[in-house]
PDB file of N, CA and C in Angstrom:
ATOM      1  N   MET A   1      16.605  -0.648  58.582  1.00  0.00           N
ATOM      2  CA  MET A   1      15.334  -0.088  59.619  1.00  0.00           C
ATOM      3  C   MET A   1      13.934  -0.492  59.141  1.00  0.00           C
ATOM      4  N   LYS A   2      13.020  -0.704  60.302  1.00  0.00           N
ATOM      5  CA  LYS A   2      11.581  -1.117  60.101  1.00  0.00           C
ATOM      6  C   LYS A   2      10.951  -0.035  60.822  1.00  0.00           C
ATOM      7  N   LEU A   3       9.807   0.583  60.088  1.00  0.00           N
ATOM      8  CA  LEU A   3       8.881   1.615  60.524  1.00  0.00           C
ATOM      9  C   LEU A   3       7.230   0.941  60.881  1.00  0.00           C
ATOM     10  N   SER A   4       6.793   1.380  61.796  1.00  0.00           N
ATOM     11  CA  SER A   4       5.555   0.733  61.702  1.00  0.00           C
ATOM     12  C   SER A   4       4.794   1.858  62.469  1.00  0.00           C
ATOM     13  N   TYR A   5       3.565   2.340  62.530  1.00  0.00           N
ATOM     14  CA  TYR A   5       2.743   3.274  63.164  1.00  0.00           C
ATOM     15  C   TYR A   5       1.553   2.752  63.363  1.00  0.00           C
ATOM     16  N   GLU A   6       1.098   3.679  64.409  1.00  0.00           N
ATOM     17  CA  GLU A   6      -0.582   3.624  64.854  1.00  0.00           C
ATOM     18  C   GLU A   6      -0.782   5.358  65.052  1.00  0.00           C
ATOM     19  N   ASP A   7      -2.119   5.565  64.392  1.00  0.00           N
ATOM     20  CA  ASP A   7      -2.643   6.628  64.663  1.00  0.00           C
ATOM     21  C   ASP A   7      -3.963   6.900  65.931  1.00  0.00           C
ATOM     22  N   HIS A   8      -3.390   7.693  66.299  1.00  0.00           N
ATOM     23  CA  HIS A   8      -4.874   8.150  67.359  1.00  0.00           C
ATOM     24  C   HIS A   8      -5.349   9.419  67.210  1.00  0.00           C
ATOM     25  N   ASP A   9      -6.431   9.646  66.807  1.00  0.00           N
ATOM     26  CA  ASP A   9      -6.786  10.937  66.098  1.00  0.00           C
ATOM     27  C   ASP A   9      -5.653  12.098  65.312  1.00  0.00           C
ATOM     28  N   ALA A  10      -4.958  13.054  65.907  1.00  0.00           N
ATOM     29  CA  ALA A  10      -3.889  13.795  65.087  1.00  0.00           C
ATOM     30  C   ALA A  10      -2.606  13.500  65.718  1.00  0.00           C
ATOM     31  N   ILE A  11      -2.716  12.249  66.239  1.00  0.00           N
ATOM     32  CA  ILE A  11      -1.040  11.839  66.981  1.00  0.00           C
ATOM     33  C   ILE A  11      -0.799  10.493  66.394  1.00  0.00           C
ATOM     34  N   THR A  12       0.062  10.307  65.733  1.00  0.00           N
ATOM     35  CA  THR A  12       0.810   9.348  65.338  1.00  0.00           C
ATOM     36  C   THR A  12       1.819   8.529  66.100  1.00  0.00           C
ATOM     37  N   VAL A  13       1.891   7.211  66.680  1.00  0.00           N
ATOM     38  CA  VAL A  13       3.239   6.756  67.188  1.00  0.00           C
ATOM     39  C   VAL A  13       3.906   5.894  66.367  1.00  0.00           C
ATOM     40  N   LEU A  14       4.987   6.492  66.025  1.00  0.00           N
ATOM     41  CA  LEU A  14       5.923   5.699  64.838  1.00  0.00           C
ATOM     42  C   LEU A  14       7.194   4.982  65.730  1.00  0.00           C
ATOM     43  N   THR A  15       7.008   3.510  65.483  1.00  0.00           N
ATOM     44  CA  THR A  15       8.158   3.014  65.912  1.00  0.00           C
ATOM     45  C   THR A  15       9.414   2.337  64.965  1.00  0.00           C
ATOM     46  N   ILE A  16      10.269   3.159  65.584  1.00  0.00           N
ATOM     47  CA  ILE A  16      11.382   2.641  64.773  1.00  0.00           C
ATOM     48  C   ILE A  16      12.559   2.034  64.893  1.00  0.00           C
ATOM     49  N   SER A  17      12.665   0.674  64.118  1.00  0.00           N
ATOM     50  CA  SER A  17      13.604  -0.600  64.604  1.00  0.00           C
ATOM     51  C   SER A  17      14.697  -0.780  63.605  1.00  0.00           C
ATOM     52  N   GLY A  18      15.610  -0.891  64.416  1.00  0.00           N
ATOM     53  CA  GLY A  18      17.422  -1.142  63.728  1.00  0.00           C
ATOM     54  C   GLY A  18      18.011   0.046  63.549  1.00  0.00           C
ATOM     55  N   ASP A  19      18.656   0.163  62.823  1.00  0.00           N
ATOM     56  CA  ASP A  19      19.403   1.305  62.542  1.00  0.00           C
ATOM     57  C   ASP A  19      18.656   2.486  61.333  1.00  0.00           C
ATOM     58  N   MET A  20      19.103   3.885  61.452  1.00  0.00           N
ATOM     59  CA  MET A  20      18.276   5.038  61.058  1.00  0.00           C
ATOM     60  C   MET A  20      19.698   5.603  60.835  1.00  0.00           C
ATOM     61  N   THR A  21      19.914   5.264  59.237  1.00  0.00           N
ATOM     62  CA  THR A  21      20.770   6.020  58.695  1.00  0.00           C
ATOM     63  C   THR A  21      20.811   6.114  57.434  1.00  0.00           C
ATOM     64  N   THR A  22      21.903   6.795  56.322  1.00  0.00           N
ATOM     65  CA  THR A  22      21.778   7.377  55.214  1.00  0.00           C
ATOM     66  C   THR A  22      20.716   6.869  54.291  1.00  0.00           C
ATOM     67  N   ASP A  23      20.953   5.807  54.201  1.00  0.00           N
ATOM     68  CA  ASP A  23      20.026   4.679  53.588  1.00  0.00           C
ATOM     69  C   ASP A  23      18.605   4.510  53.775  1.00  0.00           C
ATOM     70  N   GLN A  24      18.317   5.053  55.090  1.00  0.00           N
ATOM     71  CA  GLN A  24      16.851   4.792  55.639  1.00  0.00           C
ATOM     72  C   GLN A  24      16.334   6.049  55.768  1.00  0.00           C
ATOM     73  N   ALA A  25      17.367   7.175  55.796  1.00  0.00           N
ATOM     74  CA  ALA A  25      16.854   8.784  56.228  1.00  0.00           C
ATOM     75  C   ALA A  25      15.384   8.967  55.213  1.00  0.00           C
ATOM     76  N   GLU A  26      15.865   8.760  53.633  1.00  0.00           N
ATOM     77  CA  GLU A  26      14.596   9.296  52.607  1.00  0.00           C
ATOM     78  C   GLU A  26      13.457   8.356  53.078  1.00  0.00           C
ATOM     79  N   SER A  27      13.182   7.250  53.336  1.00  0.00           N
ATOM     80  CA  SER A  27      11.875   6.173  53.773  1.00  0.00           C
ATOM     81  C   SER A  27      11.308   6.697  55.203  1.00  0.00           C
ATOM     82  N   PHE A  28      12.500   7.167  56.035  1.00  0.00           N
ATOM     83  CA  PHE A  28      11.631   7.875  57.065  1.00  0.00           C
ATOM     84  C   PHE A  28      11.055   9.104  56.946  1.00  0.00           C
ATOM     85  N   ARG A  29      11.509   9.802  55.829  1.00  0.00           N
ATOM     86  CA  ARG A  29      10.758  11.253  55.368  1.00  0.00           C
ATOM     87  C   ARG A  29       9.614  10.965  54.669  1.00  0.00           C
ATOM     88  N   ARG A  30       9.620  10.135  54.036  1.00  0.00           N
ATOM     89  CA  ARG A  30       8.411   9.556  53.200  1.00  0.00           C
ATOM     90  C   ARG A  30       7.282   9.311  53.982  1.00  0.00           C
ATOM     91  N   SER A  31       7.606   8.560  54.974  1.00  0.00           N
ATOM     92  CA  SER A  31       6.655   8.129  55.689  1.00  0.00           C
ATOM     93  C   SER A  31       5.799   9.038  56.791  1.00  0.00           C
ATOM     94  N   CYS A  32       6.541   9.963  57.280  1.00  0.00           N
ATOM     95  CA  CYS A  32       5.918  10.755  58.142  1.00  0.00           C
ATOM     96  C   CYS A  32       5.498  11.826  57.324  1.00  0.00           C
ATOM     97  N   GLN A  33       5.755  12.102  55.850  1.00  0.00           N
ATOM     98  CA  GLN A  33       5.147  13.139  55.022  1.00  0.00           C
ATOM     99  C   GLN A  33       3.550  12.524  55.018  1.00  0.00           C
ATOM    100  N   GLU A  34       3.634  11.118  54.655  1.00  0.00           N
ATOM    101  CA  GLU A  34       2.682  10.447  54.558  1.00  0.00           C
ATOM    102  C   GLU A  34       1.439  10.991  55.810  1.00  0.00           C
ATOM    103  N   ARG A  35       2.356  10.934  56.919  1.00  0.00           N
ATOM    104  CA  ARG A  35       1.380  10.631  58.227  1.00  0.00           C
ATOM    105  C   ARG A  35       0.688  12.186  58.187  1.00  0.00           C
ATOM    106  N   PHE A  36       1.426  13.313  57.611  1.00  0.00           N
ATOM    107  CA  PHE A  36       0.885  14.908  57.900  1.00  0.00           C
ATOM    108  C   PHE A  36      -0.054  14.271  56.761  1.00  0.00           C
ATOM    109  N   GLY A  37       0.121  13.805  55.410  1.00  0.00           N
ATOM    110  CA  GLY A  37      -1.006  13.875  54.528  1.00  0.00           C
ATOM    111  C   GLY A  37      -2.346  13.121  54.700  1.00  0.00           C
ATOM    112  N   ALA A  38      -1.977  12.352  56.042  1.00  0.00           N
ATOM    113  CA  ALA A  38      -3.568  11.942  56.459  1.00  0.00           C
ATOM    114  C   ALA A  38      -4.063  12.407  57.374  1.00  0.00           C
ATOM    115  N   GLY A  39      -3.711  13.910  57.748  1.00  0.00           N
ATOM    116  CA  GLY A  39      -3.817  14.569  58.942  1.00  0.00           C
ATOM    117  C   GLY A  39      -3.333  14.652  60.599  1.00  0.00           C
ATOM    118  N   ILE A  40      -2.027  13.990  60.409  1.00  0.00           N
ATOM    119  CA  ILE A  40      -1.378  14.059  61.319  1.00  0.00           C
ATOM    120  C   ILE A  40      -0.676  15.070  61.993  1.00  0.00           C
ATOM    121  N   ARG A  41      -0.980  15.287  62.893  1.00  0.00           N
ATOM    122  CA  ARG A  41      -0.128  16.961  63.664  1.00  0.00           C
ATOM    123  C   ARG A  41       0.844  16.655  64.555  1.00  0.00           C
ATOM    124  N   ASP A  42       0.641  15.581  65.564  1.00  0.00           N
ATOM    125  CA  ASP A  42       1.646  15.082  66.814  1.00  0.00           C
ATOM    126  C   ASP A  42       2.260  13.984  66.254  1.00  0.00           C
ATOM    127  N   PHE A  43       3.303  13.669  66.454  1.00  0.00           N
ATOM    128  CA  PHE A  43       4.272  12.419  66.522  1.00  0.00           C
ATOM    129  C   PHE A  43       4.664  12.183  68.041  1.00  0.00           C
ATOM    130  N   VAL A  44       4.993  10.562  68.170  1.00  0.00           N
ATOM    131  CA  VAL A  44       5.785  10.012  68.978  1.00  0.00           C
ATOM    132  C   VAL A  44       6.291   9.402  68.499  1.00  0.00           C
ATOM    133  N   LEU A  45       7.607   9.123  68.511  1.00  0.00           N
ATOM    134  CA  LEU A  45       8.705   8.367  67.975  1.00  0.00           C
ATOM    135  C   LEU A  45       9.287   7.294  68.870  1.00  0.00           C
ATOM    136  N   ASP A  46       8.606   6.076  68.739  1.00  0.00           N
ATOM    137  CA  ASP A  46       9.068   5.003  69.960  1.00  0.00           C
ATOM    138  C   ASP A  46      10.614   4.337  69.348  1.00  0.00           C
ATOM    139  N   LEU A  47      11.630   4.742  70.182  1.00  0.00           N
ATOM    140  CA  LEU A  47      12.718   4.585  69.406  1.00  0.00           C
ATOM    141  C   LEU A  47      13.695   3.627  70.438  1.00  0.00           C
ATOM    142  N   ARG A  48      12.643   2.527  71.286  1.00  0.00           N
ATOM    143  CA  ARG A  48      13.043   1.464  72.097  1.00  0.00           C
ATOM    144  C   ARG A  48      13.710   0.550  71.624  1.00  0.00           C
ATOM    145  N   HIS A  49      13.935   0.400  69.948  1.00  0.00           N
ATOM    146  CA  HIS A  49      13.860  -0.723  69.268  1.00  0.00           C
ATOM    147  C   HIS A  49      14.968  -0.305  68.154  1.00  0.00           C
ATOM    148  N   MET A  50      15.356   0.852  68.189  1.00  0.00           N
ATOM    149  CA  MET A  50      16.145   1.378  67.453  1.00  0.00           C
ATOM    150  C   MET A  50      17.759   1.253  68.044  1.00  0.00           C
ATOM    151  N   THR A  51      18.620   1.058  67.165  1.00  0.00           N
ATOM    152  CA  THR A  51      20.148   0.298  67.490  1.00  0.00           C
ATOM    153  C   THR A  51      21.000   1.275  66.859  1.00  0.00           C
ATOM    154  N   PHE A  52      21.029   2.346  66.507  1.00  0.00           N
ATOM    155  CA  PHE A  52      22.022   3.063  65.907  1.00  0.00           C
ATOM    156  C   PHE A  52      21.285   4.016  64.695  1.00  0.00           C
ATOM    157  N   ILE A  53      21.955   5.408  65.268  1.00  0.00           N
ATOM    158  CA  ILE A  53      21.583   6.536  64.055  1.00  0.00           C
ATOM    159  C   ILE A  53      23.219   7.323  63.780  1.00  0.00           C
ATOM    160  N   ASP A  54      23.028   7.413  62.698  1.00  0.00           N
ATOM    161  CA  ASP A  54      23.953   8.469  62.017  1.00  0.00           C
ATOM    162  C   ASP A  54      23.578  10.100  61.824  1.00  0.00           C
ATOM    163  N   SER A  55      24.556  10.587  61.065  1.00  0.00           N
ATOM    164  CA  SER A  55      24.269  11.813  61.293  1.00  0.00           C
ATOM    165  C   SER A  55      22.860  12.001  60.257  1.00  0.00           C
ATOM    166  N   ALA A  56      22.695  11.301  59.058  1.00  0.00           N
ATOM    167  CA  ALA A  56      21.451  11.911  58.185  1.00  0.00           C
ATOM    168  C   ALA A  56      20.423  11.065  58.924  1.00  0.00           C
ATOM    169  N   GLY A  57      20.209  10.279  59.952  1.00  0.00           N
ATOM    170  CA  GLY A  57      19.325  10.087  60.900  1.00  0.00           C
ATOM    171  C   GLY A  57      19.118  11.152  61.757  1.00  0.00           C
ATOM    172  N   LEU A  58      20.005  11.509  62.206  1.00  0.00           N
ATOM    173  CA  LEU A  58      19.675  12.727  63.100  1.00  0.00           C
ATOM    174  C   LEU A  58      19.174  14.269  62.183  1.00  0.00           C
ATOM    175  N   GLU A  59      19.687  14.492  61.041  1.00  0.00           N
ATOM    176  CA  GLU A  59      19.394  14.981  60.343  1.00  0.00           C
ATOM    177  C   GLU A  59      17.997  14.898  59.915  1.00  0.00           C
ATOM    178  N   ALA A  60      17.150  13.336  59.755  1.00  0.00           N
ATOM    179  CA  ALA A  60      15.804  13.308  59.547  1.00  0.00           C
ATOM    180  C   ALA A  60      15.183  13.542  61.020  1.00  0.00           C
ATOM    181  N   LEU A  61      15.255  13.333  61.855  1.00  0.00           N
ATOM    182  CA  LEU A  61      15.106  13.922  63.356  1.00  0.00           C
ATOM    183  C   LEU A  61      14.767  15.215  63.258  1.00  0.00           C
ATOM    184  N   LEU A  62      15.917  16.001  63.012  1.00  0.00           N
ATOM    185  CA  LEU A  62      15.445  17.759  62.944  1.00  0.00           C
ATOM    186  C   LEU A  62      14.757  17.952  62.031  1.00  0.00           C
ATOM    187  N   TRP A  63      14.795  17.387  60.775  1.00  0.00           N
ATOM    188  CA  TRP A  63      14.001  17.894  59.738  1.00  0.00           C
ATOM    189  C   TRP A  63      12.312  17.651  60.337  1.00  0.00           C
ATOM    190  N   LEU A  64      12.280  16.384  60.991  1.00  0.00           N
ATOM    191  CA  LEU A  64      10.642  16.220  61.813  1.00  0.00           C
ATOM    192  C   LEU A  64      10.246  17.582  62.387  1.00  0.00           C
ATOM    193  N   ILE A  65      11.271  17.889  63.417  1.00  0.00           N
ATOM    194  CA  ILE A  65      10.926  19.009  64.347  1.00  0.00           C
ATOM    195  C   ILE A  65      10.318  19.926  63.437  1.00  0.00           C
ATOM    196  N   ASP A  66      11.087  20.230  62.295  1.00  0.00           N
ATOM    197  CA  ASP A  66      10.641  21.838  61.685  1.00  0.00           C
ATOM    198  C   ASP A  66       9.265  21.159  61.067  1.00  0.00           C
ATOM    199  N   GLU A  67       9.218  20.220  60.144  1.00  0.00           N
ATOM    200  CA  GLU A  67       7.909  20.161  59.562  1.00  0.00           C
ATOM    201  C   GLU A  67       6.978  19.569  60.489  1.00  0.00           C
ATOM    202  N   VAL A  68       6.530  19.271  61.649  1.00  0.00           N
ATOM    203  CA  VAL A  68       5.844  19.069  62.881  1.00  0.00           C
ATOM    204  C   VAL A  68       5.397  20.408  63.382  1.00  0.00           C
ATOM    205  N   SER A  69       6.747  21.431  63.480  1.00  0.00           N
ATOM    206  CA  SER A  69       6.348  22.793  63.821  1.00  0.00           C
ATOM    207  C   SER A  69       5.338  23.644  62.994  1.00  0.00           C
ATOM    208  N   GLU A  70       5.579  23.507  61.712  1.00  0.00           N
ATOM    209  CA  GLU A  70       4.883  24.138  60.411  1.00  0.00           C
ATOM    210  C   GLU A  70       3.505  23.739  60.263  1.00  0.00           C
ATOM    211  N   HIS A  71       3.343  22.052  60.779  1.00  0.00           N
ATOM    212  CA  HIS A  71       2.100  21.846  61.191  1.00  0.00           C
ATOM    213  C   HIS A  71       1.164  21.855  62.658  1.00  0.00           C
ATOM    214  N   GLY A  72       1.719  22.940  63.116  1.00  0.00           N
ATOM    215  CA  GLY A  72       1.178  23.137  64.596  1.00  0.00           C
ATOM    216  C   GLY A  72       1.679  22.126  65.625  1.00  0.00           C
ATOM    217  N   GLY A  73       2.299  21.246  65.141  1.00  0.00           N
ATOM    218  CA  GLY A  73       2.409  20.075  66.130  1.00  0.00           C
ATOM    219  C   GLY A  73       3.210  19.890  67.075  1.00  0.00           C
ATOM    220  N   GLN A  74       3.644  18.762  67.726  1.00  0.00           N
ATOM    221  CA  GLN A  74       4.715  18.496  68.545  1.00  0.00           C
ATOM    222  C   GLN A  74       5.168  17.284  68.631  1.00  0.00           C
ATOM    223  N   LEU A  75       6.361  17.116  68.862  1.00  0.00           N
ATOM    224  CA  LEU A  75       7.292  15.925  68.454  1.00  0.00           C
ATOM    225  C   LEU A  75       7.921  15.500  70.179  1.00  0.00           C
ATOM    226  N   ARG A  76       7.586  14.001  70.239  1.00  0.00           N
ATOM    227  CA  ARG A  76       8.085  13.218  71.599  1.00  0.00           C
ATOM    228  C   ARG A  76       9.161  12.765  70.906  1.00  0.00           C
ATOM    229  N   LEU A  77      10.194  11.849  72.098  1.00  0.00           N
ATOM    230  CA  LEU A  77      10.844  10.636  71.863  1.00  0.00           C
ATOM    231  C   LEU A  77      10.541   9.330  72.918  1.00  0.00           C
ATOM    232  N   VAL A  78      10.340   8.314  72.356  1.00  0.00           N
ATOM    233  CA  VAL A  78      10.307   7.560  73.529  1.00  0.00           C
ATOM    234  C   VAL A  78      11.386   6.735  73.752  1.00  0.00           C
ATOM    235  N   SER A  79      11.759   6.475  74.924  1.00  0.00           N
ATOM    236  CA  SER A  79      12.830   5.588  75.396  1.00  0.00           C
ATOM    237  C   SER A  79      14.213   5.199  74.547  1.00  0.00           C
ATOM    238  N   PRO A  80      14.579   6.100  73.954  1.00  0.00           N
ATOM    239  CA  PRO A  80      16.281   5.883  73.068  1.00  0.00           C
ATOM    240  C   PRO A  80      17.191   5.053  74.383  1.00  0.00           C
ATOM    241  N   ASP A  81      17.602   4.104  73.749  1.00  0.00           N
ATOM    242  CA  ASP A  81      18.617   3.232  74.474  1.00  0.00           C
ATOM    243  C   ASP A  81      19.756   4.018  75.019  1.00  0.00           C
ATOM    244  N   GLU A  82      20.706   3.808  75.656  1.00  0.00           N
ATOM    245  CA  GLU A  82      21.868   4.848  76.195  1.00  0.00           C
ATOM    246  C   GLU A  82      22.593   4.983  74.902  1.00  0.00           C
ATOM    247  N   ALA A  83      22.880   4.099  74.048  1.00  0.00           N
ATOM    248  CA  ALA A  83      23.973   4.547  73.081  1.00  0.00           C
ATOM    249  C   ALA A  83      23.197   5.620  72.220  1.00  0.00           C
ATOM    250  N   ILE A  84      21.793   5.894  71.928  1.00  0.00           N
ATOM    251  CA  ILE A  84      21.033   6.692  71.290  1.00  0.00           C
ATOM    252  C   ILE A  84      21.341   8.192  72.139  1.00  0.00           C
ATOM    253  N   ARG A  85      20.931   8.109  73.393  1.00  0.00           N
ATOM    254  CA  ARG A  85      20.991   9.238  74.340  1.00  0.00           C
ATOM    255  C   ARG A  85      21.860   9.832  74.313  1.00  0.00           C
ATOM    256  N   LYS A  86      23.475   8.944  74.562  1.00  0.00           N
ATOM    257  CA  LYS A  86      24.388   9.312  73.886  1.00  0.00           C
ATOM    258  C   LYS A  86      25.046  10.560  72.951  1.00  0.00           C
ATOM    259  N   ILE A  87      24.464  10.185  71.579  1.00  0.00           N
ATOM    260  CA  ILE A  87      24.667  10.592  70.430  1.00  0.00           C
ATOM    261  C   ILE A  87      23.918  11.506  70.862  1.00  0.00           C
ATOM    262  N   LEU A  88      23.025  11.753  70.897  1.00  0.00           N
ATOM    263  CA  LEU A  88      22.084  12.927  71.113  1.00  0.00           C
ATOM    264  C   LEU A  88      22.840  14.251  72.127  1.00  0.00           C
ATOM    265  N   GLU A  89      23.105  13.741  73.466  1.00  0.00           N
ATOM    266  CA  GLU A  89      24.610  14.269  73.907  1.00  0.00           C
ATOM    267  C   GLU A  89      25.150  14.755  73.353  1.00  0.00           C
ATOM    268  N   VAL A  90      26.430  14.330  72.880  1.00  0.00           N
ATOM    269  CA  VAL A  90      27.561  14.633  72.324  1.00  0.00           C
ATOM    270  C   VAL A  90      27.365  15.453  71.349  1.00  0.00           C
ATOM    271  N   THR A  91      26.540  15.503  70.675  1.00  0.00           N
ATOM    272  CA  THR A  91      26.370  16.404  69.142  1.00  0.00           C
ATOM    273  C   THR A  91      25.076  17.821  69.909  1.00  0.00           C
ATOM    274  N   ARG A  92      25.007  17.595  71.383  1.00  0.00           N
ATOM    275  CA  ARG A  92      23.985  18.844  72.031  1.00  0.00           C
ATOM    276  C   ARG A  92      22.626  18.977  71.317  1.00  0.00           C
ATOM    277  N   LEU A  93      21.816  17.762  70.709  1.00  0.00           N
ATOM    278  CA  LEU A  93      20.913  17.832  70.206  1.00  0.00           C
ATOM    279  C   LEU A  93      19.537  17.493  71.395  1.00  0.00           C
ATOM    280  N   GLU A  94      19.961  16.813  72.531  1.00  0.00           N
ATOM    281  CA  GLU A  94      19.190  16.208  73.409  1.00  0.00           C
ATOM    282  C   GLU A  94      18.553  17.798  73.875  1.00  0.00           C
ATOM    283  N   ARG A  95      18.906  18.899  73.632  1.00  0.00           N
ATOM    284  CA  ARG A  95      18.078  20.051  74.065  1.00  0.00           C
ATOM    285  C   ARG A  95      16.670  20.433  73.300  1.00  0.00           C
ATOM    286  N   ARG A  96      17.026  19.924  71.725  1.00  0.00           N
ATOM    287  CA  ARG A  96      15.605  20.181  70.663  1.00  0.00           C
ATOM    288  C   ARG A  96      14.748  19.020  70.940  1.00  0.00           C
ATOM    289  N   PHE A  97      15.120  17.683  71.691  1.00  0.00           N
ATOM    290  CA  PHE A  97      13.791  17.023  71.576  1.00  0.00           C
ATOM    291  C   PHE A  97      13.376  16.967  73.061  1.00  0.00           C
ATOM    292  N   ASN A  98      12.447  15.926  73.377  1.00  0.00           N
ATOM    293  CA  ASN A  98      11.255  16.017  74.561  1.00  0.00           C
ATOM    294  C   ASN A  98      11.278  14.491  74.339  1.00  0.00           C
ATOM    295  N   VAL A  99      12.109  14.213  75.554  1.00  0.00           N
ATOM    296  CA  VAL A  99      12.352  12.611  75.965  1.00  0.00           C
ATOM    297  C   VAL A  99      11.656  12.140  76.931  1.00  0.00           C
ATOM    298  N   HIS A 100      10.215  10.829  76.692  1.00  0.00           N
ATOM    299  CA  HIS A 100       9.945  10.646  77.734  1.00  0.00           C
ATOM    300  C   HIS A 100      10.185   8.900  77.843  1.00  0.00           C
ATOM    301  N   ASP A 101       9.957   8.636  79.014  1.00  0.00           N
ATOM    302  CA  ASP A 101       9.992   7.059  79.573  1.00  0.00           C
ATOM    303  C   ASP A 101       8.936   6.110  78.854  1.00  0.00           C
ATOM    304  N   SER A 102       7.837   6.628  78.756  1.00  0.00           N
ATOM    305  CA  SER A 102       7.128   5.435  78.121  1.00  0.00           C
ATOM    306  C   SER A 102       5.752   6.408  76.723  1.00  0.00           C
ATOM    307  N   ILE A 103       5.347   5.770  76.270  1.00  0.00           N
ATOM    308  CA  ILE A 103       4.437   6.229  75.255  1.00  0.00           C
ATOM    309  C   ILE A 103       3.317   6.707  75.782  1.00  0.00           C
ATOM    310  N   GLU A 104       2.882   6.029  76.739  1.00  0.00           N
ATOM    311  CA  GLU A 104       1.926   6.962  77.338  1.00  0.00           C
ATOM    312  C   GLU A 104       1.798   8.444  77.725  1.00  0.00           C
ATOM    313  N   SER A 105       3.414   8.434  78.544  1.00  0.00           N
ATOM    314  CA  SER A 105       3.838   9.832  79.020  1.00  0.00           C
ATOM    315  C   SER A 105       3.866  10.986  77.829  1.00  0.00           C
ATOM    316  N   ALA A 106       4.149  10.490  76.649  1.00  0.00           N
ATOM    317  CA  ALA A 106       4.499  11.090  75.759  1.00  0.00           C
ATOM    318  C   ALA A 106       3.700  11.682  75.282  1.00  0.00           C
ATOM    319  N   ALA A 107       2.379  10.497  74.795  1.00  0.00           N
ATOM    320  CA  ALA A 107       1.173  10.730  74.514  1.00  0.00           C
ATOM    321  C   ALA A 107       0.122  11.806  75.282  1.00  0.00           C
ATOM    322  N   LYS A 108       0.228  11.671  76.579  1.00  0.00           N
ATOM    323  CA  LYS A 108      -0.606  12.424  77.811  1.00  0.00           C
ATOM    324  C   LYS A 108      -0.087  14.008  77.675  1.00  0.00           C
ATOM    325  N   SER A 109       1.402  13.964  77.596  1.00  0.00           N
ATOM    326  CA  SER A 109       2.423  15.432  77.021  1.00  0.00           C
ATOM    327  C   SER A 109       1.801  16.030  75.826  1.00  0.00           C
ATOM    328  N   LEU A 110       1.086  15.500  75.368  1.00  0.00           N
ATOM    329  CA  LEU A 110       0.701  16.519  74.250  1.00  0.00           C
ATOM    330  C   LEU A 110      -0.854  16.900  73.830  1.00  0.00           C
ATOM    331  N   ARG A 111      -1.644  16.459  74.851  1.00  0.00           N
ATOM    332  CA  ARG A 111      -2.815  17.218  75.257  1.00  0.00           C
ATOM    333  C   ARG A 111      -2.889  18.485  76.078  1.00  0.00           C
TER     334      ARG A 111
END
């Protein structure tokens, strides 16, 4: 998994590329905690390049929902591919996430 981010005021766009599995979940959490430490409140997760997510990756996303809420922010997901969408549906987690087709749409919804 590769993570990169761009901060825009209190919003960060975090791009996740590759697989998000047990081995990467802790790295993801650390990166998110660093963003909170930098004053970030809202997260937009760009999932266009995410290829796979396992249960530990899903747990990390659920953890982020809770953390964002505790910081008074919101979380948006952008463009998960069909396989990731199917995983969210099968696990019934699609109801927990606000999914957008573009980063612009997700960012506008946070204002």
